[in-house]
Structure formats: structure tokens, C-alpha cells
Amino acid sequence: MTSLHNPNTPEAIAPLQEFAMRFSSTPRGARLARRLVSHRLDDWGYGYDSALNETLTLITAELASNAVRHGRVPGRDFALRLAEYPDALRIEVSDTRTERVPPAALPSPAADAESGRGLLLVAALADGWGTSPRQVAPGKTVWAECLRR
């Protein structure tokens, strides 16, 4: 879980482009986050049918869904940030639930389990992913990065 572009380090590289927005911690908010990321990526030149758009849209869907399901605090929104760097794209989803952090080693769910595969999917699709404490508020940020190829 190595970050290529941690915005909280002194040597952080400024993104080429950035999109950030808060969403209601509801299934509707998660769907809107996914759609807006796909639209923004298309605006940035990563067409809807491009591999990066499809991959980052799917990762966004998983991270936003997890923020709603596992990170929700009543009355609090989740935040999303999408950033483009010269070599990678980074998606961050932040919620206000400090005590619910994804495990570093992801367990495999039972074959008949109806959930529990979201972060396995993120780990398989992303070139790097992880968590970090939020800098400006209580909670955590779950991030994923995909290299521009």
C-alpha cells in the first residue's frame, strides 16, 4: 500500500487537475459521486470507454459505497477528491468514522458471502491503495491510485 502522491507530505507534487466535492452519506450520494467522477474523467480526456475511466469509476463506486455503509456518521457527509498527476490518477474518499479502518491484510470472504469483496476489487484494480487519517477533521481517507499508461 504505497502512495505515489500523498498530498499530506511536504514533498507533495501539485496535481495537474483536481476535483473535490462533498456528498450525502446515502446510496444516492455514492451513486452521484461515481457518476461525477466518470464525467470529470471524460472532461479531462479519459473517455467513458477508456480503461482508466472504467477502472477509476469502479473504484469510486466501491470506496463511496464503503463510506456510506461503514463510515457513515448520522448528519455527516463524505468527501471525495480526484486528482490527476503526470504519472497517475488518485481518488480519495474521506468519512468521519475514525474507529472503522480497513485492515491492511484483506481477508477472503466465504464463497457464498454476499459482501466483503469491495476492497479486494480495489486492491486488484489499483496500482496502490491505502488509508490515512484525515488532516482537517476526524475520520479517515481511503485512497487508490492508478498509473497513467
N, C-alpha and C. Protein backbone atom coordinates (compact mmCIF):
# COMPACT_ATOMS: atom_id res chain seq x y z
N MET A 1 0.84 -1.18 0.00
CA MET A 1 0.00 0.00 0.00
C MET A 1 0.89 1.25 0.00
N THR A 2 1.54 1.48 -1.09
CA THR A 2 2.42 2.62 -1.24
C THR A 2 1.73 3.71 -2.03
N SER A 3 1.78 4.91 -1.53
CA SER A 3 1.18 6.05 -2.22
C SER A 3 2.20 6.72 -3.11
N LEU A 4 1.81 6.96 -4.34
CA LEU A 4 2.65 7.72 -5.25
C LEU A 4 2.55 9.22 -4.98
N HIS A 5 1.39 9.66 -4.51
CA HIS A 5 1.12 11.09 -4.38
C HIS A 5 0.34 11.38 -3.10
N ASN A 6 0.98 11.34 -1.98
CA ASN A 6 0.33 11.66 -0.73
C ASN A 6 0.30 13.18 -0.58
N PRO A 7 -0.90 13.79 -0.63
CA PRO A 7 -0.97 15.25 -0.57
C PRO A 7 -0.61 15.83 0.79
N ASN A 8 -0.40 14.99 1.78
CA ASN A 8 -0.11 15.48 3.12
C ASN A 8 1.37 15.45 3.47
N THR A 9 2.22 15.19 2.48
CA THR A 9 3.65 15.19 2.75
C THR A 9 4.27 16.49 2.24
N PRO A 10 5.37 16.93 2.86
CA PRO A 10 6.00 18.19 2.43
C PRO A 10 6.46 18.16 0.98
N GLU A 11 6.86 17.00 0.48
CA GLU A 11 7.35 16.91 -0.89
C GLU A 11 6.24 16.63 -1.89
N ALA A 12 5.02 16.82 -1.49
CA ALA A 12 3.87 16.54 -2.37
C ALA A 12 3.95 17.35 -3.66
N ILE A 13 3.63 16.69 -4.76
CA ILE A 13 3.59 17.31 -6.07
C ILE A 13 2.19 17.86 -6.29
N ALA A 14 2.09 19.07 -6.79
CA ALA A 14 0.78 19.65 -7.06
C ALA A 14 0.12 18.89 -8.22
N PRO A 15 -1.17 18.61 -8.10
CA PRO A 15 -1.85 17.91 -9.20
C PRO A 15 -2.01 18.81 -10.42
N LEU A 16 -2.08 18.18 -11.58
CA LEU A 16 -2.34 18.91 -12.83
C LEU A 16 -3.78 19.43 -12.84
N GLN A 17 -4.69 18.58 -12.36
CA GLN A 17 -6.11 18.93 -12.26
C GLN A 17 -6.66 18.27 -11.01
N GLU A 18 -7.74 18.85 -10.49
CA GLU A 18 -8.30 18.32 -9.26
C GLU A 18 -9.81 18.58 -9.24
N PHE A 19 -10.54 17.64 -8.68
CA PHE A 19 -11.98 17.76 -8.47
C PHE A 19 -12.25 17.29 -7.06
N ALA A 20 -12.99 18.09 -6.29
CA ALA A 20 -13.32 17.72 -4.92
C ALA A 20 -14.76 18.14 -4.63
N MET A 21 -15.46 17.28 -3.88
CA MET A 21 -16.86 17.57 -3.57
C MET A 21 -17.29 16.73 -2.37
N ARG A 22 -18.27 17.24 -1.64
CA ARG A 22 -18.87 16.51 -0.52
C ARG A 22 -20.19 15.92 -1.00
N PHE A 23 -20.53 14.75 -0.46
CA PHE A 23 -21.75 14.05 -0.83
C PHE A 23 -22.47 13.56 0.42
N SER A 24 -23.78 13.45 0.33
CA SER A 24 -24.54 12.91 1.45
C SER A 24 -24.16 11.45 1.64
N SER A 25 -24.09 11.01 2.88
CA SER A 25 -23.72 9.62 3.18
C SER A 25 -24.93 8.71 2.99
N THR A 26 -25.37 8.63 1.75
CA THR A 26 -26.51 7.81 1.36
C THR A 26 -26.16 7.06 0.09
N PRO A 27 -26.91 6.01 -0.24
CA PRO A 27 -26.67 5.33 -1.51
C PRO A 27 -26.76 6.30 -2.71
N ARG A 28 -27.67 7.25 -2.63
CA ARG A 28 -27.79 8.23 -3.70
C ARG A 28 -26.53 9.08 -3.82
N GLY A 29 -25.96 9.48 -2.69
CA GLY A 29 -24.71 10.25 -2.70
C GLY A 29 -23.57 9.44 -3.30
N ALA A 30 -23.50 8.14 -2.99
CA ALA A 30 -22.46 7.28 -3.55
C ALA A 30 -22.62 7.15 -5.07
N ARG A 31 -23.85 6.99 -5.54
CA ARG A 31 -24.09 6.90 -6.99
C ARG A 31 -23.70 8.20 -7.69
N LEU A 32 -24.05 9.33 -7.08
CA LEU A 32 -23.71 10.63 -7.67
C LEU A 32 -22.19 10.81 -7.73
N ALA A 33 -21.48 10.41 -6.69
CA ALA A 33 -20.02 10.51 -6.68
C ALA A 33 -19.44 9.70 -7.83
N ARG A 34 -19.91 8.49 -8.02
CA ARG A 34 -19.42 7.64 -9.11
C ARG A 34 -19.66 8.29 -10.46
N ARG A 35 -20.86 8.80 -10.66
CA ARG A 35 -21.19 9.43 -11.95
C ARG A 35 -20.36 10.67 -12.21
N LEU A 36 -20.18 11.51 -11.19
CA LEU A 36 -19.42 12.74 -11.38
C LEU A 36 -17.94 12.46 -11.64
N VAL A 37 -17.39 11.43 -11.03
CA VAL A 37 -16.00 11.06 -11.32
C VAL A 37 -15.89 10.64 -12.77
N SER A 38 -16.82 9.83 -13.25
CA SER A 38 -16.78 9.39 -14.64
C SER A 38 -16.89 10.59 -15.59
N HIS A 39 -17.79 11.51 -15.28
CA HIS A 39 -17.95 12.71 -16.13
C HIS A 39 -16.69 13.57 -16.10
N ARG A 40 -16.12 13.76 -14.91
CA ARG A 40 -14.93 14.59 -14.80
C ARG A 40 -13.76 13.97 -15.56
N LEU A 41 -13.60 12.66 -15.44
CA LEU A 41 -12.54 11.99 -16.18
C LEU A 41 -12.73 12.16 -17.69
N ASP A 42 -13.97 12.08 -18.15
CA ASP A 42 -14.24 12.29 -19.57
C ASP A 42 -13.86 13.72 -19.96
N ASP A 43 -14.20 14.70 -19.12
CA ASP A 43 -13.82 16.09 -19.38
C ASP A 43 -12.31 16.26 -19.46
N TRP A 44 -11.57 15.46 -18.70
CA TRP A 44 -10.11 15.56 -18.66
C TRP A 44 -9.46 14.78 -19.81
N GLY A 45 -10.26 14.15 -20.66
CA GLY A 45 -9.70 13.44 -21.80
C GLY A 45 -9.64 11.93 -21.66
N TYR A 46 -10.16 11.41 -20.57
CA TYR A 46 -10.23 9.96 -20.37
C TYR A 46 -11.67 9.55 -20.68
N GLY A 47 -11.92 9.20 -21.93
CA GLY A 47 -13.27 8.91 -22.40
C GLY A 47 -13.98 7.87 -21.55
N TYR A 48 -15.30 7.90 -21.63
CA TYR A 48 -16.11 6.99 -20.82
C TYR A 48 -15.73 5.53 -21.03
N ASP A 49 -15.30 5.16 -22.23
CA ASP A 49 -14.95 3.77 -22.51
C ASP A 49 -13.46 3.48 -22.37
N SER A 50 -12.70 4.44 -21.85
CA SER A 50 -11.26 4.20 -21.63
C SER A 50 -11.06 3.33 -20.40
N ALA A 51 -9.95 2.63 -20.39
CA ALA A 51 -9.64 1.75 -19.25
C ALA A 51 -9.53 2.53 -17.94
N LEU A 52 -8.87 3.70 -17.97
CA LEU A 52 -8.73 4.48 -16.73
C LEU A 52 -10.08 4.98 -16.22
N ASN A 53 -10.95 5.44 -17.11
CA ASN A 53 -12.27 5.91 -16.67
C ASN A 53 -13.05 4.75 -16.06
N GLU A 54 -13.09 3.64 -16.73
CA GLU A 54 -13.84 2.49 -16.22
C GLU A 54 -13.28 2.01 -14.88
N THR A 55 -11.95 1.93 -14.78
CA THR A 55 -11.32 1.46 -13.55
C THR A 55 -11.57 2.42 -12.39
N LEU A 56 -11.31 3.71 -12.61
CA LEU A 56 -11.49 4.68 -11.52
C LEU A 56 -12.96 4.85 -11.14
N THR A 57 -13.86 4.71 -12.09
CA THR A 57 -15.29 4.78 -11.77
C THR A 57 -15.69 3.60 -10.89
N LEU A 58 -15.19 2.42 -11.19
CA LEU A 58 -15.49 1.25 -10.37
C LEU A 58 -14.88 1.38 -8.98
N ILE A 59 -13.64 1.84 -8.91
CA ILE A 59 -13.01 2.05 -7.60
C ILE A 59 -13.78 3.09 -6.79
N THR A 60 -14.21 4.16 -7.45
CA THR A 60 -15.00 5.19 -6.76
C THR A 60 -16.28 4.60 -6.21
N ALA A 61 -16.95 3.77 -7.01
CA ALA A 61 -18.19 3.14 -6.56
C ALA A 61 -17.95 2.32 -5.29
N GLU A 62 -16.87 1.57 -5.26
CA GLU A 62 -16.58 0.74 -4.08
C GLU A 62 -16.23 1.60 -2.87
N LEU A 63 -15.36 2.60 -3.04
CA LEU A 63 -14.95 3.43 -1.90
C LEU A 63 -16.11 4.27 -1.38
N ALA A 64 -16.92 4.82 -2.28
CA ALA A 64 -18.06 5.63 -1.84
C ALA A 64 -19.09 4.75 -1.14
N SER A 65 -19.33 3.57 -1.68
CA SER A 65 -20.26 2.64 -1.04
C SER A 65 -19.78 2.26 0.36
N ASN A 66 -18.48 2.01 0.50
CA ASN A 66 -17.94 1.70 1.83
C ASN A 66 -18.07 2.88 2.79
N ALA A 67 -17.87 4.09 2.28
CA ALA A 67 -18.02 5.27 3.14
C ALA A 67 -19.44 5.38 3.66
N VAL A 68 -20.40 5.05 2.81
CA VAL A 68 -21.82 5.11 3.21
C VAL A 68 -22.15 3.97 4.16
N ARG A 69 -21.69 2.78 3.85
CA ARG A 69 -22.05 1.59 4.63
C ARG A 69 -21.29 1.50 5.94
N HIS A 70 -19.98 1.74 5.91
CA HIS A 70 -19.13 1.50 7.09
C HIS A 70 -18.61 2.77 7.75
N GLY A 71 -18.62 3.90 7.05
CA GLY A 71 -18.04 5.12 7.60
C GLY A 71 -19.05 6.19 7.94
N ARG A 72 -20.33 5.86 7.79
CA ARG A 72 -21.38 6.86 7.98
C ARG A 72 -21.55 7.24 9.45
N VAL A 73 -21.59 8.52 9.68
CA VAL A 73 -21.98 9.10 10.96
C VAL A 73 -23.20 9.95 10.67
N PRO A 74 -24.33 9.72 11.36
CA PRO A 74 -25.54 10.48 11.04
C PRO A 74 -25.29 11.98 11.00
N GLY A 75 -25.79 12.61 9.94
CA GLY A 75 -25.65 14.05 9.77
C GLY A 75 -24.33 14.50 9.16
N ARG A 76 -23.45 13.57 8.85
CA ARG A 76 -22.14 13.92 8.28
C ARG A 76 -22.03 13.40 6.85
N ASP A 77 -21.44 14.20 5.98
CA ASP A 77 -21.23 13.83 4.59
C ASP A 77 -19.90 13.08 4.44
N PHE A 78 -19.68 12.53 3.26
CA PHE A 78 -18.36 12.03 2.93
C PHE A 78 -17.78 12.94 1.85
N ALA A 79 -16.48 13.00 1.80
CA ALA A 79 -15.79 13.87 0.84
C ALA A 79 -15.06 13.02 -0.19
N LEU A 80 -15.02 13.53 -1.40
CA LEU A 80 -14.33 12.84 -2.49
C LEU A 80 -13.35 13.81 -3.14
N ARG A 81 -12.20 13.31 -3.51
CA ARG A 81 -11.20 14.10 -4.22
C ARG A 81 -10.63 13.24 -5.33
N LEU A 82 -10.61 13.78 -6.52
CA LEU A 82 -9.99 13.14 -7.68
C LEU A 82 -8.88 14.07 -8.15
N ALA A 83 -7.68 13.52 -8.32
CA ALA A 83 -6.55 14.35 -8.75
C ALA A 83 -5.78 13.65 -9.86
N GLU A 84 -5.36 14.45 -10.84
CA GLU A 84 -4.54 13.95 -11.93
C GLU A 84 -3.12 14.45 -11.74
N TYR A 85 -2.18 13.54 -11.80
CA TYR A 85 -0.75 13.84 -11.72
C TYR A 85 -0.10 13.43 -13.04
N PRO A 86 1.13 13.85 -13.29
CA PRO A 86 1.77 13.48 -14.55
C PRO A 86 1.82 11.97 -14.81
N ASP A 87 1.93 11.19 -13.74
CA ASP A 87 2.07 9.75 -13.92
C ASP A 87 0.93 8.91 -13.37
N ALA A 88 -0.05 9.51 -12.70
CA ALA A 88 -1.11 8.72 -12.06
C ALA A 88 -2.36 9.56 -11.80
N LEU A 89 -3.44 8.86 -11.56
CA LEU A 89 -4.68 9.47 -11.10
C LEU A 89 -4.96 8.92 -9.71
N ARG A 90 -5.42 9.78 -8.82
CA ARG A 90 -5.66 9.39 -7.42
C ARG A 90 -7.09 9.74 -7.05
N ILE A 91 -7.78 8.79 -6.42
CA ILE A 91 -9.11 9.02 -5.89
C ILE A 91 -9.03 8.87 -4.37
N GLU A 92 -9.66 9.79 -3.65
CA GLU A 92 -9.69 9.73 -2.20
C GLU A 92 -11.14 9.88 -1.74
N VAL A 93 -11.54 9.04 -0.81
CA VAL A 93 -12.86 9.16 -0.20
C VAL A 93 -12.65 9.24 1.31
N SER A 94 -13.16 10.31 1.90
CA SER A 94 -12.96 10.55 3.33
C SER A 94 -14.30 10.53 4.05
N ASP A 95 -14.31 9.88 5.20
CA ASP A 95 -15.51 9.89 6.05
C ASP A 95 -15.11 10.26 7.46
N THR A 96 -16.08 10.40 8.34
CA THR A 96 -15.79 10.88 9.69
C THR A 96 -15.73 9.77 10.73
N ARG A 97 -15.73 8.52 10.31
CA ARG A 97 -15.69 7.39 11.22
C ARG A 97 -14.24 6.99 11.46
N THR A 98 -13.67 7.38 12.58
CA THR A 98 -12.27 7.15 12.88
C THR A 98 -11.98 5.70 13.24
N GLU A 99 -12.89 5.07 13.96
CA GLU A 99 -12.61 3.74 14.51
C GLU A 99 -12.81 2.60 13.52
N ARG A 100 -13.37 2.84 12.35
CA ARG A 100 -13.58 1.79 11.35
C ARG A 100 -12.61 1.98 10.19
N VAL A 101 -11.44 1.36 10.30
CA VAL A 101 -10.39 1.48 9.28
C VAL A 101 -10.24 0.13 8.58
N PRO A 102 -10.14 0.12 7.27
CA PRO A 102 -9.95 -1.16 6.57
C PRO A 102 -8.67 -1.85 7.03
N PRO A 103 -8.69 -3.18 7.12
CA PRO A 103 -7.48 -3.90 7.53
C PRO A 103 -6.41 -3.84 6.45
N ALA A 104 -5.15 -3.88 6.87
CA ALA A 104 -4.04 -3.86 5.92
C ALA A 104 -4.02 -5.15 5.09
N ALA A 105 -4.29 -6.27 5.73
CA ALA A 105 -4.38 -7.55 5.03
C ALA A 105 -5.85 -7.89 4.85
N LEU A 106 -6.28 -7.96 3.62
CA LEU A 106 -7.69 -8.17 3.34
C LEU A 106 -8.04 -9.65 3.42
N PRO A 107 -9.01 -10.00 4.27
CA PRO A 107 -9.42 -11.41 4.35
C PRO A 107 -10.28 -11.78 3.14
N SER A 108 -10.20 -13.03 2.75
CA SER A 108 -11.05 -13.52 1.67
C SER A 108 -12.41 -13.91 2.26
N PRO A 109 -13.50 -13.39 1.68
CA PRO A 109 -14.82 -13.75 2.18
C PRO A 109 -15.17 -15.19 1.81
N ALA A 110 -16.11 -15.76 2.52
CA ALA A 110 -16.60 -17.09 2.19
C ALA A 110 -17.16 -17.09 0.77
N ALA A 111 -17.08 -18.21 0.11
CA ALA A 111 -17.54 -18.31 -1.28
C ALA A 111 -19.00 -17.90 -1.45
N ASP A 112 -19.82 -18.14 -0.43
CA ASP A 112 -21.25 -17.81 -0.54
C ASP A 112 -21.61 -16.46 0.11
N ALA A 113 -20.59 -15.70 0.53
CA ALA A 113 -20.84 -14.39 1.16
C ALA A 113 -21.40 -13.42 0.11
N GLU A 114 -22.34 -12.59 0.55
CA GLU A 114 -22.96 -11.62 -0.35
C GLU A 114 -22.24 -10.28 -0.36
N SER A 115 -21.23 -10.11 0.48
CA SER A 115 -20.47 -8.87 0.52
C SER A 115 -19.05 -9.19 0.97
N GLY A 116 -18.22 -8.16 1.04
CA GLY A 116 -16.87 -8.34 1.55
C GLY A 116 -15.80 -8.41 0.48
N ARG A 117 -16.15 -8.12 -0.77
CA ARG A 117 -15.18 -8.20 -1.85
C ARG A 117 -14.77 -6.84 -2.41
N GLY A 118 -15.35 -5.77 -1.91
CA GLY A 118 -15.10 -4.44 -2.47
C GLY A 118 -13.65 -4.02 -2.43
N LEU A 119 -13.01 -4.12 -1.27
CA LEU A 119 -11.61 -3.71 -1.18
C LEU A 119 -10.68 -4.69 -1.88
N LEU A 120 -11.08 -5.96 -1.99
CA LEU A 120 -10.30 -6.90 -2.79
C LEU A 120 -10.30 -6.45 -4.25
N LEU A 121 -11.45 -5.97 -4.70
CA LEU A 121 -11.56 -5.45 -6.06
C LEU A 121 -10.69 -4.20 -6.23
N VAL A 122 -10.76 -3.29 -5.27
CA VAL A 122 -9.92 -2.08 -5.31
C VAL A 122 -8.45 -2.46 -5.36
N ALA A 123 -8.04 -3.40 -4.52
CA ALA A 123 -6.64 -3.82 -4.48
C ALA A 123 -6.21 -4.44 -5.81
N ALA A 124 -7.12 -5.17 -6.44
CA ALA A 124 -6.79 -5.81 -7.72
C ALA A 124 -6.71 -4.80 -8.86
N LEU A 125 -7.53 -3.76 -8.82
CA LEU A 125 -7.60 -2.79 -9.92
C LEU A 125 -6.59 -1.66 -9.81
N ALA A 126 -6.30 -1.24 -8.60
CA ALA A 126 -5.43 -0.07 -8.39
C ALA A 126 -3.96 -0.48 -8.37
N ASP A 127 -3.11 0.47 -8.71
CA ASP A 127 -1.66 0.26 -8.61
C ASP A 127 -1.17 0.50 -7.18
N GLY A 128 -1.96 1.14 -6.37
CA GLY A 128 -1.68 1.36 -4.97
C GLY A 128 -2.94 1.82 -4.27
N TRP A 129 -3.10 1.46 -3.01
CA TRP A 129 -4.26 1.94 -2.24
C TRP A 129 -3.87 1.89 -0.77
N GLY A 130 -4.63 2.59 0.04
CA GLY A 130 -4.38 2.57 1.47
C GLY A 130 -5.30 3.52 2.21
N THR A 131 -4.97 3.77 3.45
CA THR A 131 -5.75 4.67 4.29
C THR A 131 -4.80 5.65 4.98
N SER A 132 -5.36 6.78 5.37
CA SER A 132 -4.61 7.75 6.15
C SER A 132 -5.61 8.54 6.99
N PRO A 133 -5.16 9.07 8.12
CA PRO A 133 -6.06 9.90 8.92
C PRO A 133 -6.40 11.18 8.17
N ARG A 134 -7.61 11.68 8.38
CA ARG A 134 -7.95 12.97 7.78
C ARG A 134 -7.16 14.05 8.47
N GLN A 135 -6.74 15.05 7.71
CA GLN A 135 -5.90 16.12 8.26
C GLN A 135 -6.73 17.26 8.85
N VAL A 136 -7.92 17.49 8.34
CA VAL A 136 -8.69 18.67 8.73
C VAL A 136 -9.92 18.36 9.57
N ALA A 137 -10.20 17.08 9.80
CA ALA A 137 -11.39 16.70 10.55
C ALA A 137 -11.20 15.29 11.08
N PRO A 138 -12.03 14.89 12.02
CA PRO A 138 -11.95 13.50 12.48
C PRO A 138 -12.31 12.56 11.33
N GLY A 139 -11.72 11.37 11.35
CA GLY A 139 -12.06 10.38 10.36
C GLY A 139 -10.85 9.86 9.63
N LYS A 140 -11.11 9.26 8.47
CA LYS A 140 -10.07 8.65 7.67
C LYS A 140 -10.29 8.92 6.20
N THR A 141 -9.24 8.74 5.44
CA THR A 141 -9.31 8.81 3.99
C THR A 141 -8.84 7.48 3.44
N VAL A 142 -9.64 6.90 2.55
CA VAL A 142 -9.23 5.70 1.82
C VAL A 142 -8.93 6.17 0.40
N TRP A 143 -7.76 5.82 -0.10
CA TRP A 143 -7.32 6.32 -1.40
C TRP A 143 -6.89 5.16 -2.29
N ALA A 144 -6.92 5.44 -3.58
CA ALA A 144 -6.42 4.48 -4.57
C ALA A 144 -5.79 5.26 -5.71
N GLU A 145 -4.75 4.68 -6.29
CA GLU A 145 -4.05 5.34 -7.39
C GLU A 145 -3.91 4.37 -8.57
N CYS A 146 -4.07 4.90 -9.75
CA CYS A 146 -3.89 4.15 -10.99
C CYS A 146 -2.88 4.90 -11.85
N LEU A 147 -1.87 4.18 -12.30
CA LEU A 147 -0.86 4.79 -13.17
C LEU A 147 -1.46 5.12 -14.51
N ARG A 148 -1.00 6.22 -15.08
CA ARG A 148 -1.38 6.58 -16.46
C ARG A 148 -0.48 5.79 -17.38
N ARG A 149 -1.04 4.97 -18.20
CA ARG A 149 -0.24 4.11 -19.11
C ARG A 149 -0.48 4.51 -20.52
